[in-house]
Amino acid sequence: MPEPGVEDASRRTRLANERTYLAWWRTGLAAIAVCVGVGRIVPDVTKHAARWPFEAVGAGYGVLAVAFLVFGYARVRTVERALARGELPPLDDRLQFLLVVAGVVLAALTVLLVLVD
């Protein structure tokens, strides 16, 4: 039987993993909201003649939302498997970089759309 402190730490880590998974979901849902806002709502309320730039950036946020949901699921599974082995895996540096680059590019494009309009 595991020591009480170790068992408690495992429980806390599993609960933290669940909260992190829900954070991935919240972030994905927020990106979906931005997708709809930028891609559908903003073009209807602006005087900008071309809709496609807004739709393209909005679609980018939609792709980012899907990435958050998929990577969140993959991460929660990876952490659970590692915890069963008594390990704790780091978050992949490439994944972190990819998400940062996607977020920065989409944010810059959104700012550009706001400035051009």
Protein backbone atom coordinates (compact mmCIF):
# COMPACT_ATOMS: atom_id res chain seq x y z
CA MET A 1 0.00 0.00 0.00
CA PRO A 2 1.42 3.45 -0.92
CA GLU A 3 2.38 5.90 1.76
CA PRO A 4 -0.44 8.35 2.69
CA GLY A 5 1.54 11.37 1.48
CA VAL A 6 2.26 9.78 -1.89
CA GLU A 7 -1.37 8.75 -2.36
CA ASP A 8 -2.56 12.27 -1.51
CA ALA A 9 -0.05 13.78 -3.93
CA SER A 10 -1.27 11.48 -6.69
CA ARG A 11 -4.87 12.46 -6.03
CA ARG A 12 -4.00 16.15 -6.11
CA THR A 13 -2.04 15.68 -9.34
CA ARG A 14 -4.94 13.82 -10.96
CA LEU A 15 -7.38 16.53 -9.92
CA ALA A 16 -5.00 19.20 -11.23
CA ASN A 17 -4.82 17.24 -14.50
CA GLU A 18 -8.63 17.32 -14.72
CA ARG A 19 -8.68 21.07 -14.07
CA THR A 20 -6.04 21.57 -16.74
CA TYR A 21 -8.10 19.52 -19.18
CA LEU A 22 -11.09 21.76 -18.48
CA ALA A 23 -8.84 24.80 -19.07
CA TRP A 24 -7.94 23.40 -22.51
CA TRP A 25 -11.70 23.13 -23.16
CA ARG A 26 -12.39 26.67 -21.96
CA THR A 27 -9.63 27.97 -24.19
CA GLY A 28 -10.98 25.99 -27.15
CA LEU A 29 -14.50 27.32 -26.56
CA ALA A 30 -13.16 30.88 -26.32
CA ALA A 31 -11.35 30.40 -29.64
CA ILE A 32 -14.61 29.16 -31.18
CA ALA A 33 -16.34 32.32 -29.94
CA VAL A 34 -13.61 34.47 -31.49
CA CYS A 35 -13.93 32.42 -34.69
CA VAL A 36 -17.63 33.29 -34.93
CA GLY A 37 -17.07 36.90 -33.90
CA VAL A 38 -14.25 37.67 -36.31
CA GLY A 39 -15.45 35.49 -39.17
CA ARG A 40 -19.20 36.16 -39.10
CA ILE A 41 -20.26 39.03 -36.86
CA VAL A 42 -17.56 41.63 -37.48
CA PRO A 43 -17.92 41.62 -41.29
CA ASP A 44 -21.63 42.34 -40.89
CA VAL A 45 -21.11 45.38 -38.66
CA THR A 46 -18.15 47.00 -40.44
CA LYS A 47 -17.98 49.10 -43.55
CA HIS A 48 -15.18 46.97 -44.97
CA ALA A 49 -16.16 45.76 -48.43
CA ALA A 50 -14.25 42.46 -48.45
CA ARG A 51 -15.49 39.73 -46.12
CA TRP A 52 -12.84 37.15 -46.95
CA PRO A 53 -10.05 38.53 -44.71
CA PHE A 54 -12.34 38.34 -41.68
CA GLU A 55 -13.57 34.90 -42.65
CA ALA A 56 -10.00 33.64 -43.15
CA VAL A 57 -8.83 34.92 -39.77
CA GLY A 58 -12.01 33.60 -38.15
CA ALA A 59 -11.37 30.19 -39.69
CA GLY A 60 -7.85 30.33 -38.29
CA TYR A 61 -9.30 30.76 -34.80
CA GLY A 62 -11.57 27.79 -35.52
CA VAL A 63 -8.57 25.65 -36.41
CA LEU A 64 -6.82 26.84 -33.25
CA ALA A 65 -9.92 25.88 -31.23
CA VAL A 66 -9.84 22.36 -32.64
CA ALA A 67 -6.12 22.15 -31.83
CA PHE A 68 -6.79 23.16 -28.21
CA LEU A 69 -9.46 20.49 -27.84
CA VAL A 70 -7.40 17.73 -29.47
CA PHE A 71 -4.14 18.59 -27.70
CA GLY A 72 -5.99 18.96 -24.39
CA TYR A 73 -7.39 15.46 -24.72
CA ALA A 74 -4.03 14.03 -25.76
CA ARG A 75 -2.33 15.76 -22.85
CA VAL A 76 -4.78 14.54 -20.20
CA ARG A 77 -4.34 10.95 -21.47
CA THR A 78 -0.53 11.28 -21.51
CA VAL A 79 -0.45 12.61 -17.96
CA GLU A 80 -2.81 9.89 -16.70
CA ARG A 81 -0.67 7.14 -18.24
CA ALA A 82 2.49 8.71 -16.82
CA LEU A 83 0.94 9.03 -13.35
CA ALA A 84 0.08 5.33 -13.43
CA ARG A 85 3.81 4.67 -13.95
CA GLY A 86 4.79 7.16 -11.24
CA GLU A 87 6.08 9.75 -13.73
CA LEU A 88 5.07 13.23 -14.79
CA PRO A 89 5.73 14.12 -18.44
CA PRO A 90 6.68 17.66 -19.46
CA LEU A 91 4.58 19.46 -22.05
CA ASP A 92 6.18 19.08 -25.47
CA ASP A 93 8.24 22.17 -26.35
CA ARG A 94 7.22 21.92 -30.02
CA LEU A 95 3.55 21.93 -29.09
CA GLN A 96 4.01 24.97 -26.88
CA PHE A 97 5.87 26.77 -29.66
CA LEU A 98 3.26 25.84 -32.28
CA LEU A 99 0.40 27.15 -30.15
CA VAL A 100 2.28 30.37 -29.34
CA VAL A 101 3.08 30.99 -33.01
CA ALA A 102 -0.53 30.31 -34.04
CA GLY A 103 -1.84 32.64 -31.33
CA VAL A 104 0.61 35.42 -32.18
CA VAL A 105 -0.08 35.20 -35.92
CA LEU A 106 -3.86 35.23 -35.42
CA ALA A 107 -3.66 38.08 -32.92
CA ALA A 108 -1.48 40.12 -35.30
CA LEU A 109 -3.87 39.48 -38.19
CA THR A 110 -6.81 40.49 -36.02
CA VAL A 111 -5.08 43.72 -35.03
CA LEU A 112 -4.29 44.37 -38.69
CA LEU A 113 -7.94 43.87 -39.62
CA VAL A 114 -8.99 46.33 -36.91
CA LEU A 115 -6.46 48.92 -38.06
CA VAL A 116 -7.34 48.58 -41.75
CA ASP A 117 -11.06 48.97 -41.15
